[in-house]
Amino acid sequence: MINANLERARADKALSALIKQNATEMREIFSAALRSGQHAGEIPSGKDPAALAAFMFSTVHGMRHLGRTTADRSILEQIATVALGALD
């Protein structure tokens, strides 16, 4: 989806709408999981699930891009550690 967004979505209105819908759905999935974690006491209730969802969504996409462009797993592990720290 990232590649499609960067390469084609600007000129293709239908594809652009699909990509935006997919991103919204993915953020909603993250947000629901984060709210569930808050209800279970695993994530502090003062954290904004929507903001965390947007952060996690963008982090996952960035990590996917890096995974394709670098063979250095330690960088991805560092990013994951920092991202998970946002849930504390």
N, C-alpha and C. Protein backbone atom coordinates (compact mmCIF):
# COMPACT_ATOMS: atom_id res chain seq x y z
N MET A 1 0.82 -1.18 0.00
CA MET A 1 0.00 0.00 0.00
C MET A 1 0.87 1.26 0.00
N ILE A 2 1.98 1.21 0.70
CA ILE A 2 2.85 2.38 0.74
C ILE A 2 3.36 2.70 -0.66
N ASN A 3 3.85 1.68 -1.35
CA ASN A 3 4.37 1.89 -2.69
C ASN A 3 3.30 2.42 -3.62
N ALA A 4 2.11 1.87 -3.52
CA ALA A 4 1.01 2.34 -4.37
C ALA A 4 0.70 3.79 -4.05
N ASN A 5 0.70 4.11 -2.78
CA ASN A 5 0.40 5.47 -2.37
C ASN A 5 1.43 6.44 -2.93
N LEU A 6 2.68 6.09 -2.81
CA LEU A 6 3.74 6.99 -3.26
C LEU A 6 3.82 7.10 -4.77
N GLU A 7 3.54 6.02 -5.46
CA GLU A 7 3.76 6.00 -6.90
C GLU A 7 2.51 6.33 -7.73
N ARG A 8 1.33 5.92 -7.28
CA ARG A 8 0.17 6.01 -8.15
C ARG A 8 -0.99 6.81 -7.59
N ALA A 9 -1.12 6.90 -6.31
CA ALA A 9 -2.33 7.42 -5.70
C ALA A 9 -2.62 8.87 -6.06
N ARG A 10 -1.62 9.64 -6.29
CA ARG A 10 -1.86 11.06 -6.60
C ARG A 10 -2.62 11.22 -7.90
N ALA A 11 -2.37 10.38 -8.85
CA ALA A 11 -3.02 10.51 -10.14
C ALA A 11 -4.29 9.66 -10.24
N ASP A 12 -4.43 8.69 -9.38
CA ASP A 12 -5.55 7.76 -9.45
C ASP A 12 -6.46 7.97 -8.24
N LYS A 13 -7.59 8.65 -8.46
CA LYS A 13 -8.50 9.01 -7.36
C LYS A 13 -9.08 7.77 -6.67
N ALA A 14 -9.41 6.74 -7.42
CA ALA A 14 -9.98 5.52 -6.83
C ALA A 14 -8.94 4.83 -5.95
N LEU A 15 -7.72 4.76 -6.43
CA LEU A 15 -6.65 4.14 -5.65
C LEU A 15 -6.36 4.97 -4.40
N SER A 16 -6.35 6.26 -4.55
CA SER A 16 -6.13 7.15 -3.42
C SER A 16 -7.18 6.93 -2.34
N ALA A 17 -8.44 6.81 -2.75
CA ALA A 17 -9.52 6.57 -1.79
C ALA A 17 -9.35 5.23 -1.10
N LEU A 18 -8.95 4.20 -1.83
CA LEU A 18 -8.72 2.88 -1.26
C LEU A 18 -7.60 2.91 -0.23
N ILE A 19 -6.54 3.59 -0.55
CA ILE A 19 -5.39 3.68 0.36
C ILE A 19 -5.78 4.43 1.63
N LYS A 20 -6.52 5.52 1.48
CA LYS A 20 -6.97 6.27 2.65
C LYS A 20 -7.90 5.42 3.51
N GLN A 21 -8.79 4.68 2.88
CA GLN A 21 -9.70 3.80 3.62
C GLN A 21 -8.92 2.72 4.37
N ASN A 22 -7.95 2.12 3.71
CA ASN A 22 -7.14 1.09 4.34
C ASN A 22 -6.38 1.66 5.54
N ALA A 23 -5.80 2.84 5.39
CA ALA A 23 -5.06 3.46 6.49
C ALA A 23 -5.99 3.75 7.66
N THR A 24 -7.17 4.24 7.38
CA THR A 24 -8.15 4.52 8.43
C THR A 24 -8.54 3.24 9.16
N GLU A 25 -8.80 2.19 8.41
CA GLU A 25 -9.17 0.91 9.02
C GLU A 25 -8.05 0.36 9.87
N MET A 26 -6.82 0.45 9.39
CA MET A 26 -5.69 -0.06 10.17
C MET A 26 -5.50 0.74 11.46
N ARG A 27 -5.63 2.07 11.39
CA ARG A 27 -5.52 2.88 12.61
C ARG A 27 -6.65 2.53 13.58
N GLU A 28 -7.83 2.26 13.06
CA GLU A 28 -8.95 1.88 13.92
C GLU A 28 -8.69 0.53 14.60
N ILE A 29 -8.07 -0.40 13.89
CA ILE A 29 -7.72 -1.69 14.48
C ILE A 29 -6.71 -1.49 15.61
N PHE A 30 -5.68 -0.69 15.34
CA PHE A 30 -4.70 -0.39 16.38
C PHE A 30 -5.38 0.28 17.58
N SER A 31 -6.23 1.25 17.31
CA SER A 31 -6.89 1.99 18.37
C SER A 31 -7.76 1.08 19.24
N ALA A 32 -8.49 0.18 18.60
CA ALA A 32 -9.33 -0.77 19.36
C ALA A 32 -8.46 -1.67 20.24
N ALA A 33 -7.34 -2.13 19.71
CA ALA A 33 -6.44 -2.98 20.50
C ALA A 33 -5.85 -2.20 21.67
N LEU A 34 -5.52 -0.95 21.44
CA LEU A 34 -4.96 -0.13 22.50
C LEU A 34 -6.00 0.17 23.58
N ARG A 35 -7.23 0.44 23.18
CA ARG A 35 -8.30 0.65 24.17
C ARG A 35 -8.52 -0.62 24.99
N SER A 36 -8.46 -1.75 24.34
CA SER A 36 -8.59 -3.03 25.03
C SER A 36 -7.47 -3.19 26.06
N GLY A 37 -6.27 -2.82 25.67
CA GLY A 37 -5.14 -2.87 26.59
C GLY A 37 -5.31 -1.93 27.77
N GLN A 38 -5.93 -0.79 27.51
CA GLN A 38 -6.22 0.14 28.61
C GLN A 38 -7.25 -0.45 29.57
N HIS A 39 -8.29 -1.04 29.03
CA HIS A 39 -9.32 -1.64 29.88
C HIS A 39 -8.75 -2.80 30.70
N ALA A 40 -7.76 -3.49 30.15
CA ALA A 40 -7.13 -4.60 30.87
C ALA A 40 -6.05 -4.12 31.85
N GLY A 41 -5.77 -2.82 31.83
CA GLY A 41 -4.75 -2.28 32.73
C GLY A 41 -3.34 -2.46 32.23
N GLU A 42 -3.17 -2.84 30.99
CA GLU A 42 -1.84 -3.07 30.41
C GLU A 42 -1.22 -1.80 29.83
N ILE A 43 -2.07 -0.82 29.53
CA ILE A 43 -1.63 0.46 28.97
C ILE A 43 -2.25 1.55 29.84
N PRO A 44 -1.47 2.56 30.23
CA PRO A 44 -2.03 3.61 31.08
C PRO A 44 -3.25 4.28 30.45
N SER A 45 -4.24 4.56 31.29
CA SER A 45 -5.49 5.14 30.79
C SER A 45 -5.31 6.57 30.30
N GLY A 46 -4.24 7.23 30.70
CA GLY A 46 -4.00 8.60 30.27
C GLY A 46 -3.48 8.73 28.85
N LYS A 47 -3.15 7.62 28.23
CA LYS A 47 -2.64 7.63 26.85
C LYS A 47 -3.81 7.76 25.88
N ASP A 48 -3.62 8.53 24.82
CA ASP A 48 -4.65 8.72 23.79
C ASP A 48 -4.56 7.58 22.78
N PRO A 49 -5.55 6.67 22.76
CA PRO A 49 -5.49 5.53 21.84
C PRO A 49 -5.40 5.92 20.37
N ALA A 50 -6.09 6.99 19.99
CA ALA A 50 -6.04 7.41 18.58
C ALA A 50 -4.65 7.91 18.20
N ALA A 51 -4.04 8.68 19.10
CA ALA A 51 -2.69 9.19 18.82
C ALA A 51 -1.68 8.04 18.80
N LEU A 52 -1.80 7.13 19.76
CA LEU A 52 -0.91 5.97 19.77
C LEU A 52 -1.11 5.11 18.52
N ALA A 53 -2.35 4.97 18.10
CA ALA A 53 -2.64 4.17 16.90
C ALA A 53 -1.97 4.77 15.67
N ALA A 54 -2.06 6.10 15.53
CA ALA A 54 -1.42 6.76 14.39
C ALA A 54 0.10 6.59 14.46
N PHE A 55 0.65 6.70 15.67
CA PHE A 55 2.09 6.52 15.86
C PHE A 55 2.52 5.10 15.50
N MET A 56 1.78 4.11 16.02
CA MET A 56 2.13 2.71 15.74
C MET A 56 1.97 2.38 14.26
N PHE A 57 0.91 2.88 13.66
CA PHE A 57 0.67 2.67 12.23
C PHE A 57 1.85 3.20 11.41
N SER A 58 2.27 4.42 11.70
CA SER A 58 3.38 4.99 10.93
C SER A 58 4.70 4.29 11.23
N THR A 59 4.86 3.85 12.48
CA THR A 59 6.08 3.13 12.85
C THR A 59 6.18 1.80 12.11
N VAL A 60 5.07 1.07 12.06
CA VAL A 60 5.07 -0.21 11.34
C VAL A 60 5.40 0.00 9.87
N HIS A 61 4.81 1.03 9.27
CA HIS A 61 5.11 1.28 7.85
C HIS A 61 6.56 1.67 7.65
N GLY A 62 7.09 2.48 8.55
CA GLY A 62 8.50 2.85 8.45
C GLY A 62 9.41 1.64 8.61
N MET A 63 9.04 0.76 9.54
CA MET A 63 9.84 -0.45 9.76
C MET A 63 9.78 -1.37 8.54
N ARG A 64 8.62 -1.44 7.91
CA ARG A 64 8.52 -2.27 6.70
C ARG A 64 9.43 -1.73 5.61
N HIS A 65 9.47 -0.42 5.48
CA HIS A 65 10.34 0.20 4.48
C HIS A 65 11.80 -0.09 4.81
N LEU A 66 12.19 0.10 6.06
CA LEU A 66 13.57 -0.18 6.45
C LEU A 66 13.92 -1.64 6.28
N GLY A 67 12.95 -2.52 6.56
CA GLY A 67 13.19 -3.95 6.40
C GLY A 67 13.53 -4.31 4.97
N ARG A 68 13.00 -3.53 4.04
CA ARG A 68 13.31 -3.79 2.63
C ARG A 68 14.63 -3.17 2.19
N THR A 69 15.04 -2.13 2.90
CA THR A 69 16.22 -1.39 2.44
C THR A 69 17.47 -1.64 3.26
N THR A 70 17.34 -2.34 4.39
CA THR A 70 18.52 -2.62 5.20
C THR A 70 18.45 -4.05 5.72
N ALA A 71 19.60 -4.64 5.88
CA ALA A 71 19.64 -6.00 6.43
C ALA A 71 19.99 -5.97 7.91
N ASP A 72 20.00 -4.76 8.50
CA ASP A 72 20.41 -4.61 9.89
C ASP A 72 19.21 -4.77 10.82
N ARG A 73 19.03 -5.99 11.30
CA ARG A 73 17.91 -6.29 12.18
C ARG A 73 17.97 -5.51 13.48
N SER A 74 19.15 -5.19 13.94
CA SER A 74 19.29 -4.48 15.21
C SER A 74 18.62 -3.10 15.16
N ILE A 75 18.65 -2.47 14.01
CA ILE A 75 17.98 -1.17 13.86
C ILE A 75 16.48 -1.34 14.04
N LEU A 76 15.92 -2.36 13.42
CA LEU A 76 14.48 -2.62 13.56
C LEU A 76 14.13 -2.97 15.00
N GLU A 77 14.98 -3.70 15.67
CA GLU A 77 14.73 -4.04 17.08
C GLU A 77 14.77 -2.79 17.95
N GLN A 78 15.70 -1.88 17.66
CA GLN A 78 15.77 -0.62 18.41
C GLN A 78 14.50 0.20 18.22
N ILE A 79 14.03 0.27 16.99
CA ILE A 79 12.81 1.02 16.70
C ILE A 79 11.63 0.40 17.43
N ALA A 80 11.53 -0.92 17.40
CA ALA A 80 10.44 -1.61 18.08
C ALA A 80 10.48 -1.35 19.58
N THR A 81 11.67 -1.36 20.16
CA THR A 81 11.82 -1.10 21.59
C THR A 81 11.33 0.31 21.94
N VAL A 82 11.74 1.29 21.15
CA VAL A 82 11.32 2.67 21.38
C VAL A 82 9.80 2.80 21.22
N ALA A 83 9.27 2.19 20.17
CA ALA A 83 7.82 2.27 19.92
C ALA A 83 7.04 1.65 21.06
N LEU A 84 7.45 0.48 21.52
CA LEU A 84 6.76 -0.17 22.62
C LEU A 84 6.87 0.64 23.91
N GLY A 85 7.95 1.41 24.04
CA GLY A 85 8.11 2.29 25.20
C GLY A 85 7.03 3.36 25.27
N ALA A 86 6.46 3.70 24.12
CA ALA A 86 5.38 4.69 24.09
C ALA A 86 4.13 4.19 24.79
N LEU A 87 4.06 2.89 25.02
CA LEU A 87 2.88 2.29 25.66
C LEU A 87 3.00 2.30 27.18
N ASP A 88 4.17 2.64 27.70
CA ASP A 88 4.37 2.65 29.15
C ASP A 88 3.74 3.86 29.79
